Amino acid sequence: MINNLHHLFQTIWQKIFGIFLQATDAFYRVFVRLLYHSKIVGVLALFCLIIFVTSISLFLSVFKEENSKKESQSKSQNDSQGFYAIDVGQGDSSLYITNENQTVLIDTGKPGNGIVQKLEKILGKYRKKIDVIILTHPDSDHVGEIENILASYEVGLILYSPIYDVRPDSEKAIKNIRKKNHGLTQPVFAGENLSFSKSIEDINKNQNENEQMYFLSPSFSGIATFASKKELAEDNYFSVVSLIKSKDLIFTMADAPQKIEKVLVSSADNQLFSSSSVSAQVSETVDIFSQLPNFTGEEFNRNQFDKIILKVGHHGSKTSSAPEFIKKLSPTDVILSYGKNNRYGHPHKEVLDLFENGTSTSSTSLNSSPIRIYRTISGAVYFGE
């Protein structure tokens, strides 16, 4: 049966092809005679031929473009999940792509760093939506390209440090961002989180198995603490510190100084960190880096994660990376985001020594292993899912 159908289709195709050849031959004979007898007809025929060839070329170009678009979308959906620390020079920008193919951009880097083109290399040329943007604090080396991002991408949600709403200069900036973003734009506080599950049912069903993003700082009470002090003028005290829970545990510190890190290490009842959404679930006696209930309201052990990844605070400045914080966290991998030959001398020797001489307790081994160090000056750092 199949052979008969194959033979039938082959016969029909041969007849169609024969008719096409006969028509082409007839057209050629008529065209030659007309060209001989009339220059005008010849010019018209040549014009038609040019249009025909151009149309075919345009069709092939569109076909190729559509194929490239499909390949790009397929790649962004299947091959790019994970965490990226993007090379933006002396600045900071990270991208997280969830297993559900949602995108979270943490900061945009300094002005003119080409972040849009760099995102295209990761997301593909034709993907034009970012689900969440987090503006950790108003420093230009972290948020300098936000307007270009908004001009190039549709954005679903922008979360920003509440320091924007406290000071007149940054309040004006966030109002401008809110006007340009058609999605929701709002401050984020410690104790809030984002879930990347497809539905509420999935969240309730398998809470510990879902990807989550937790916000560890700043707290509302922390802003009240600094409101009448000189720290109010220092953006870094109000950096949005986040924790991503996936197959890895990823801490992104923005420019949070040692004071914030020490608060995270110490009691969660400290006024700077405590917030109503988590205060009822915390305990002063719990080691927050072996079990993390006072960050998140959940209890999960570090050994369930492949890696403990730290995006080092403040580009490797000695103002961040408190030794007691690093010792408690015991990361397996650290990322330093900074520019070559920067005027600040980042990363500072004290910080490099801390990581180069430190060890981490591996989640897959009882033995300690050296902390792996990555630098964005060598290009984007990627941890895949």
Protein backbone atom coordinates (compact mmCIF):
# COMPACT_ATOMS: atom_id res chain seq x y z
CA MET A 1 0.00 0.00 0.00
CA ILE A 2 2.75 2.44 1.00
CA ASN A 3 4.79 1.54 -2.11
CA ASN A 4 1.76 2.16 -4.36
CA LEU A 5 1.18 5.61 -2.82
CA HIS A 6 4.85 6.45 -3.20
CA HIS A 7 4.74 5.43 -6.87
CA LEU A 8 1.57 7.48 -7.44
CA PHE A 9 3.08 10.63 -5.89
CA GLN A 10 6.27 10.13 -7.88
CA THR A 11 4.29 9.86 -11.15
CA ILE A 12 2.27 12.99 -10.37
CA TRP A 13 5.42 14.93 -9.48
CA GLN A 14 7.11 13.86 -12.75
CA LYS A 15 4.12 15.06 -14.79
CA ILE A 16 4.00 18.41 -12.97
CA PHE A 17 7.73 18.89 -13.46
CA GLY A 18 7.36 18.02 -17.18
CA ILE A 19 4.62 20.61 -17.62
CA PHE A 20 6.80 23.18 -15.85
CA LEU A 21 9.69 22.50 -18.23
CA GLN A 22 7.42 22.82 -21.27
CA ALA A 23 6.00 26.10 -20.00
CA THR A 24 9.49 27.43 -19.32
CA ASP A 25 10.61 26.50 -22.84
CA ALA A 26 7.56 28.16 -24.40
CA PHE A 27 8.07 31.31 -22.34
CA TYR A 28 11.71 31.47 -23.40
CA ARG A 29 10.85 31.15 -27.11
CA VAL A 30 8.19 33.86 -26.90
CA PHE A 31 10.49 36.11 -24.88
CA VAL A 32 13.33 35.80 -27.43
CA ARG A 33 11.02 36.61 -30.36
CA LEU A 34 9.49 39.60 -28.59
CA LEU A 35 12.93 40.86 -27.64
CA TYR A 36 13.97 40.63 -31.26
CA HIS A 37 10.92 42.48 -32.58
CA SER A 38 10.41 45.07 -29.84
CA LYS A 39 12.84 46.80 -27.50
CA ILE A 40 9.96 48.10 -25.35
CA VAL A 41 8.57 44.63 -24.76
CA GLY A 42 12.09 43.46 -23.99
CA VAL A 43 12.58 46.15 -21.37
CA LEU A 44 9.24 45.27 -19.79
CA ALA A 45 10.14 41.60 -19.75
CA LEU A 46 13.49 42.39 -18.18
CA PHE A 47 11.74 44.53 -15.56
CA CYS A 48 9.35 41.67 -14.76
CA LEU A 49 12.29 39.32 -14.45
CA ILE A 50 13.99 41.67 -12.00
CA ILE A 51 10.80 41.88 -9.91
CA PHE A 52 10.51 38.10 -9.96
CA VAL A 53 14.10 37.56 -8.81
CA THR A 54 13.77 40.26 -6.11
CA SER A 55 10.56 38.67 -4.80
CA ILE A 56 12.21 35.26 -4.58
CA SER A 57 15.18 36.81 -2.77
CA LEU A 58 12.88 38.63 -0.33
CA PHE A 59 10.90 35.46 0.34
CA LEU A 60 14.07 33.50 1.09
CA SER A 61 15.28 36.30 3.38
CA VAL A 62 12.01 36.32 5.35
CA PHE A 63 12.05 32.52 5.51
CA LYS A 64 15.60 32.57 6.86
CA GLU A 65 14.67 35.31 9.37
CA GLU A 66 11.72 33.28 10.66
CA ASN A 67 13.88 30.20 11.03
CA SER A 68 16.48 32.22 12.96
CA LYS A 69 13.72 33.61 15.19
CA LYS A 70 12.39 30.12 15.95
CA GLU A 71 15.89 28.82 16.65
CA SER A 72 16.61 31.79 18.93
CA GLN A 73 13.35 31.30 20.86
CA SER A 74 13.97 27.58 21.12
CA LYS A 75 17.45 28.20 22.47
CA SER A 76 16.23 30.72 25.05
CA GLN A 77 13.57 28.27 26.20
CA ASN A 78 15.71 25.15 26.39
CA ASP A 79 19.38 25.97 26.79
CA SER A 80 19.82 29.14 28.85
CA GLN A 81 18.24 28.50 32.27
CA GLY A 82 20.45 29.48 35.17
CA PHE A 83 22.30 32.42 36.70
CA TYR A 84 24.44 34.88 34.74
CA ALA A 85 26.76 37.50 36.20
CA ILE A 86 27.11 39.81 33.20
CA ASP A 87 30.32 41.64 32.31
CA VAL A 88 29.33 45.32 32.58
CA GLY A 89 32.76 46.67 33.49
CA GLN A 90 32.99 48.51 36.81
CA GLY A 91 29.38 47.88 37.68
CA ASP A 92 26.90 45.15 38.47
CA SER A 93 24.24 43.25 36.57
CA SER A 94 22.94 39.69 36.87
CA LEU A 95 20.29 37.70 35.04
CA TYR A 96 18.44 34.66 36.36
CA ILE A 97 16.35 32.50 34.03
CA THR A 98 14.05 30.09 35.81
CA ASN A 99 13.10 26.57 34.83
CA GLU A 100 9.75 28.02 33.76
CA ASN A 101 11.68 30.36 31.41
CA GLN A 102 10.92 33.49 33.44
CA THR A 103 13.58 36.19 33.53
CA VAL A 104 14.81 38.22 36.50
CA LEU A 105 17.32 41.02 35.83
CA ILE A 106 19.15 42.28 38.91
CA ASP A 107 20.57 45.75 38.10
CA THR A 108 21.66 47.02 34.70
CA GLY A 109 25.27 48.19 35.12
CA LYS A 110 26.75 51.62 34.48
CA PRO A 111 25.65 53.90 31.59
CA GLY A 112 26.90 52.89 28.16
CA ASN A 113 27.98 49.34 29.00
CA GLY A 114 25.98 47.75 26.16
CA ILE A 115 23.72 45.70 28.41
CA VAL A 116 20.97 45.42 25.76
CA GLN A 117 23.34 43.76 23.30
CA LYS A 118 24.70 41.51 26.04
CA LEU A 119 21.19 40.44 27.00
CA GLU A 120 20.46 39.66 23.35
CA LYS A 121 23.37 37.22 23.32
CA ILE A 122 21.82 35.39 26.26
CA LEU A 123 18.10 35.70 25.54
CA GLY A 124 18.22 35.84 21.77
CA LYS A 125 17.54 38.73 19.43
CA TYR A 126 13.78 38.21 19.33
CA ARG A 127 12.94 37.84 22.99
CA LYS A 128 11.70 41.25 24.08
CA LYS A 129 10.23 40.73 27.53
CA ILE A 130 11.87 40.71 30.97
CA ASP A 131 9.53 39.45 33.67
CA VAL A 132 11.16 41.10 36.70
CA ILE A 133 13.78 43.82 37.15
CA ILE A 134 15.30 44.48 40.58
CA LEU A 135 16.98 47.84 41.18
CA THR A 136 19.10 47.16 44.25
CA HIS A 137 19.91 50.84 44.98
CA PRO A 138 20.25 54.11 43.02
CA ASP A 139 24.02 54.06 42.29
CA SER A 140 24.60 54.64 38.57
CA ASP A 141 26.99 51.69 38.21
CA HIS A 142 24.06 49.45 39.12
CA VAL A 143 21.07 51.14 37.46
CA GLY A 144 22.66 53.33 34.78
CA GLU A 145 21.07 51.49 31.84
CA ILE A 146 17.52 51.14 33.14
CA GLU A 147 16.09 53.58 30.60
CA ASN A 148 17.68 51.71 27.68
CA ILE A 149 16.30 48.47 29.06
CA LEU A 150 12.79 49.95 29.27
CA ALA A 151 13.14 51.27 25.72
CA SER A 152 14.20 47.83 24.43
CA TYR A 153 12.12 45.39 26.49
CA GLU A 154 8.62 44.98 27.81
CA VAL A 155 8.94 44.65 31.59
CA GLY A 156 6.37 42.94 33.79
CA LEU A 157 7.46 44.01 37.27
CA ILE A 158 10.09 46.38 38.69
CA LEU A 159 11.10 45.98 42.33
CA TYR A 160 13.33 48.65 43.82
CA SER A 161 15.08 49.57 47.05
CA PRO A 162 12.78 51.67 49.26
CA ILE A 163 15.58 54.23 49.60
CA TYR A 164 14.32 55.55 46.24
CA ASP A 165 11.17 56.83 47.98
CA VAL A 166 13.01 58.46 50.89
CA ARG A 167 15.41 60.88 49.19
CA PRO A 168 14.26 63.64 46.80
CA ASP A 169 16.83 62.94 44.04
CA SER A 170 16.13 59.21 43.78
CA GLU A 171 12.39 59.73 44.28
CA LYS A 172 12.36 61.74 41.06
CA ALA A 173 14.24 58.95 39.28
CA ILE A 174 11.79 56.24 40.36
CA LYS A 175 8.82 58.39 39.33
CA ASN A 176 10.35 58.67 35.86
CA ILE A 177 10.90 54.89 35.74
CA ARG A 178 7.32 54.28 36.85
CA LYS A 179 6.02 56.46 34.00
CA LYS A 180 8.01 54.52 31.41
CA ASN A 181 7.21 51.05 32.74
CA HIS A 182 3.73 49.82 31.82
CA GLY A 183 3.95 47.02 34.38
CA LEU A 184 3.91 47.20 38.16
CA THR A 185 6.67 49.20 39.90
CA GLN A 186 6.99 48.95 43.69
CA PRO A 187 9.52 48.84 46.57
CA VAL A 188 10.64 45.52 48.03
CA PHE A 189 11.41 44.73 51.67
CA ALA A 190 13.09 41.98 53.66
CA GLY A 191 10.73 39.07 54.25
CA GLU A 192 9.04 39.25 50.85
CA ASN A 193 9.62 36.68 48.15
CA LEU A 194 8.91 35.69 44.57
CA SER A 195 7.77 32.24 43.51
CA PHE A 196 8.52 31.02 40.00
CA SER A 197 5.99 28.19 39.88
CA LYS A 198 3.36 28.04 37.16
CA SER A 199 0.44 28.19 39.57
CA ILE A 200 -0.58 28.72 43.19
CA GLU A 201 -1.49 25.02 43.30
CA ASP A 202 2.13 24.11 42.49
CA ILE A 203 3.39 26.40 45.26
CA ASN A 204 1.10 24.90 47.86
CA LYS A 205 1.73 21.35 46.71
CA ASN A 206 5.53 21.29 46.59
CA GLN A 207 6.75 24.35 48.46
CA ASN A 208 10.30 23.12 49.04
CA GLU A 209 10.76 21.92 45.46
CA ASN A 210 9.88 25.20 43.76
CA GLU A 211 12.29 27.90 42.74
CA GLN A 212 12.03 30.90 45.04
CA MET A 213 13.64 34.28 45.38
CA TYR A 214 13.81 35.71 48.90
CA PHE A 215 14.63 39.29 49.85
CA LEU A 216 16.84 39.57 52.92
CA SER A 217 17.41 43.33 53.08
CA PRO A 218 16.53 46.18 53.45
CA SER A 219 13.83 46.15 56.09
CA PHE A 220 11.31 48.86 56.81
CA SER A 221 12.57 49.11 60.39
CA GLY A 222 16.10 49.45 59.04
CA ILE A 223 15.16 52.56 57.09
CA ALA A 224 13.51 53.99 60.19
CA THR A 225 16.71 53.27 62.14
CA PHE A 226 18.86 55.24 59.70
CA ALA A 227 16.32 57.95 58.90
CA SER A 228 17.91 60.62 61.07
CA LYS A 229 21.52 59.52 60.63
CA LYS A 230 24.24 60.10 58.08
CA GLU A 231 23.73 56.57 56.71
CA LEU A 232 20.60 57.82 54.97
CA ALA A 233 22.88 59.49 52.43
CA GLU A 234 24.66 56.18 51.79
CA ASP A 235 22.77 54.06 49.24
CA ASN A 236 24.69 50.90 50.08
CA TYR A 237 22.99 50.48 53.45
CA PHE A 238 19.71 49.99 51.61
CA SER A 239 20.92 47.56 48.94
CA VAL A 240 18.43 44.85 48.06
CA VAL A 241 20.06 41.59 49.12
CA SER A 242 18.43 38.51 47.62
CA LEU A 243 18.63 34.75 47.91
CA ILE A 244 17.68 32.50 45.00
CA LYS A 245 16.74 28.94 45.83
CA SER A 246 17.04 26.53 42.91
CA LYS A 247 19.28 23.49 42.57
CA ASP A 248 21.91 25.95 43.80
CA LEU A 249 21.62 28.52 46.58
CA ILE A 250 22.58 31.94 45.18
CA PHE A 251 23.21 35.03 47.34
CA THR A 252 23.37 38.38 45.51
CA MET A 253 24.72 41.08 47.81
CA ALA A 254 24.63 44.21 45.60
CA ASP A 255 26.69 46.84 47.50
CA ALA A 256 25.60 45.78 50.99
CA PRO A 257 28.33 46.73 53.50
CA GLN A 258 29.71 44.60 56.33
CA LYS A 259 27.18 46.09 58.74
CA ILE A 260 24.35 44.45 56.82
CA GLU A 261 26.25 41.17 56.49
CA LYS A 262 26.86 41.07 60.24
CA VAL A 263 23.18 41.65 60.86
CA LEU A 264 22.36 38.67 58.66
CA VAL A 265 24.84 36.54 60.59
CA SER A 266 23.56 37.62 63.99
CA SER A 267 20.10 37.56 65.49
CA ALA A 268 17.22 38.08 63.08
CA ASP A 269 15.55 40.11 65.83
CA ASN A 270 18.03 42.90 65.18
CA GLN A 271 16.05 46.03 64.37
CA LEU A 272 17.70 46.46 60.98
CA PHE A 273 16.52 43.12 59.66
CA SER A 274 13.30 42.24 61.44
CA SER A 275 10.03 42.61 59.56
CA SER A 276 6.51 41.59 60.42
CA SER A 277 6.25 39.00 57.66
CA VAL A 278 9.02 36.82 59.07
CA SER A 279 9.49 37.81 62.71
CA ALA A 280 6.99 35.26 64.02
CA GLN A 281 8.90 32.42 62.37
CA VAL A 282 12.44 33.16 63.50
CA SER A 283 14.60 32.03 66.37
CA GLU A 284 17.74 33.64 67.71
CA THR A 285 19.37 30.26 68.32
CA VAL A 286 19.07 28.86 64.79
CA ASP A 287 22.19 28.83 62.59
CA ILE A 288 20.80 30.73 59.62
CA PHE A 289 23.26 29.32 57.12
CA SER A 290 22.76 25.63 57.85
CA GLN A 291 19.00 25.96 58.12
CA LEU A 292 17.44 29.18 56.88
CA PRO A 293 14.01 29.60 58.50
CA ASN A 294 14.66 33.12 59.75
CA PHE A 295 15.34 34.29 56.20
CA THR A 296 12.51 32.56 54.47
CA GLY A 297 9.99 30.89 56.76
CA GLU A 298 11.18 27.57 55.32
CA GLU A 299 13.52 24.99 56.74
CA PHE A 300 15.93 23.49 54.22
CA ASN A 301 19.49 22.28 54.65
CA ARG A 302 22.43 23.55 52.62
CA ASN A 303 23.35 19.96 51.72
CA GLN A 304 20.35 19.72 49.41
CA PHE A 305 22.01 22.21 47.04
CA ASP A 306 24.71 21.52 44.46
CA LYS A 307 26.49 24.81 45.12
CA ILE A 308 26.37 27.76 47.51
CA ILE A 309 27.08 30.71 45.21
CA LEU A 310 27.91 34.20 46.47
CA LYS A 311 27.78 37.26 44.23
CA VAL A 312 30.31 39.18 46.33
CA GLY A 313 29.21 42.52 47.76
CA HIS A 314 30.44 45.86 46.42
CA HIS A 315 32.67 44.52 43.63
CA GLY A 316 35.05 42.90 46.11
CA SER A 317 35.56 46.02 48.23
CA LYS A 318 36.89 45.60 51.76
CA THR A 319 33.80 47.50 52.93
CA SER A 320 31.90 44.25 52.29
CA SER A 321 32.69 40.54 52.78
CA ALA A 322 32.91 40.51 56.56
CA PRO A 323 35.03 37.46 57.57
CA GLU A 324 32.35 36.17 59.96
CA PHE A 325 29.75 36.41 57.20
CA ILE A 326 31.89 34.49 54.71
CA LYS A 327 32.80 31.89 57.34
CA LYS A 328 29.15 31.30 58.21
CA LEU A 329 28.01 31.19 54.60
CA SER A 330 30.94 28.99 53.50
CA PRO A 331 30.28 29.43 49.75
CA THR A 332 31.47 26.87 47.24
CA ASP A 333 31.70 29.51 44.48
CA VAL A 334 32.10 33.30 44.54
CA ILE A 335 31.67 35.87 41.76
CA LEU A 336 33.51 39.19 41.63
CA SER A 337 32.01 41.84 39.36
CA TYR A 338 34.39 44.70 38.56
CA GLY A 339 36.17 46.49 35.71
CA LYS A 340 39.79 46.17 34.69
CA ASN A 341 42.14 48.76 36.21
CA ASN A 342 39.28 50.47 38.03
CA ARG A 343 40.14 53.53 40.12
CA TYR A 344 38.87 51.92 43.34
CA GLY A 345 41.35 49.07 43.26
CA HIS A 346 38.56 46.47 43.33
CA PRO A 347 38.76 43.72 44.32
CA HIS A 348 40.77 44.56 47.44
CA LYS A 349 43.55 42.28 48.58
CA GLU A 350 41.90 41.56 51.94
CA VAL A 351 38.86 40.15 50.16
CA LEU A 352 40.89 38.09 47.69
CA ASP A 353 42.94 36.66 50.53
CA LEU A 354 39.76 35.75 52.37
CA PHE A 355 38.50 33.67 49.45
CA GLU A 356 41.83 32.33 48.22
CA ASN A 357 42.74 31.07 51.68
CA GLY A 358 39.24 29.92 52.57
CA THR A 359 37.63 26.53 52.17
CA SER A 360 34.06 25.44 51.78
CA THR A 361 32.24 22.37 53.02
CA SER A 362 31.09 20.72 49.82
CA SER A 363 27.47 19.60 49.63
CA THR A 364 28.55 16.34 47.98
CA SER A 365 31.52 15.53 50.18
CA LEU A 366 32.44 15.47 53.85
CA ASN A 367 35.78 17.02 52.98
CA SER A 368 36.48 20.71 52.63
CA SER A 369 37.41 22.10 49.22
CA PRO A 370 38.86 25.44 48.02
CA ILE A 371 36.41 28.20 47.18
CA ARG A 372 36.16 28.64 43.41
CA ILE A 373 36.58 32.29 42.32
CA TYR A 374 35.06 33.76 39.13
CA ARG A 375 35.54 37.27 37.71
CA THR A 376 33.34 39.09 35.22
CA ILE A 377 36.38 40.77 33.62
CA SER A 378 36.83 37.45 31.80
CA GLY A 379 33.27 37.62 30.43
CA ALA A 380 29.86 36.60 31.73
CA VAL A 381 29.94 34.02 34.50
CA TYR A 382 27.28 31.33 34.05
CA PHE A 383 25.91 28.69 36.38
CA GLY A 384 23.50 26.52 34.43
CA GLU A 385 20.47 24.65 35.60
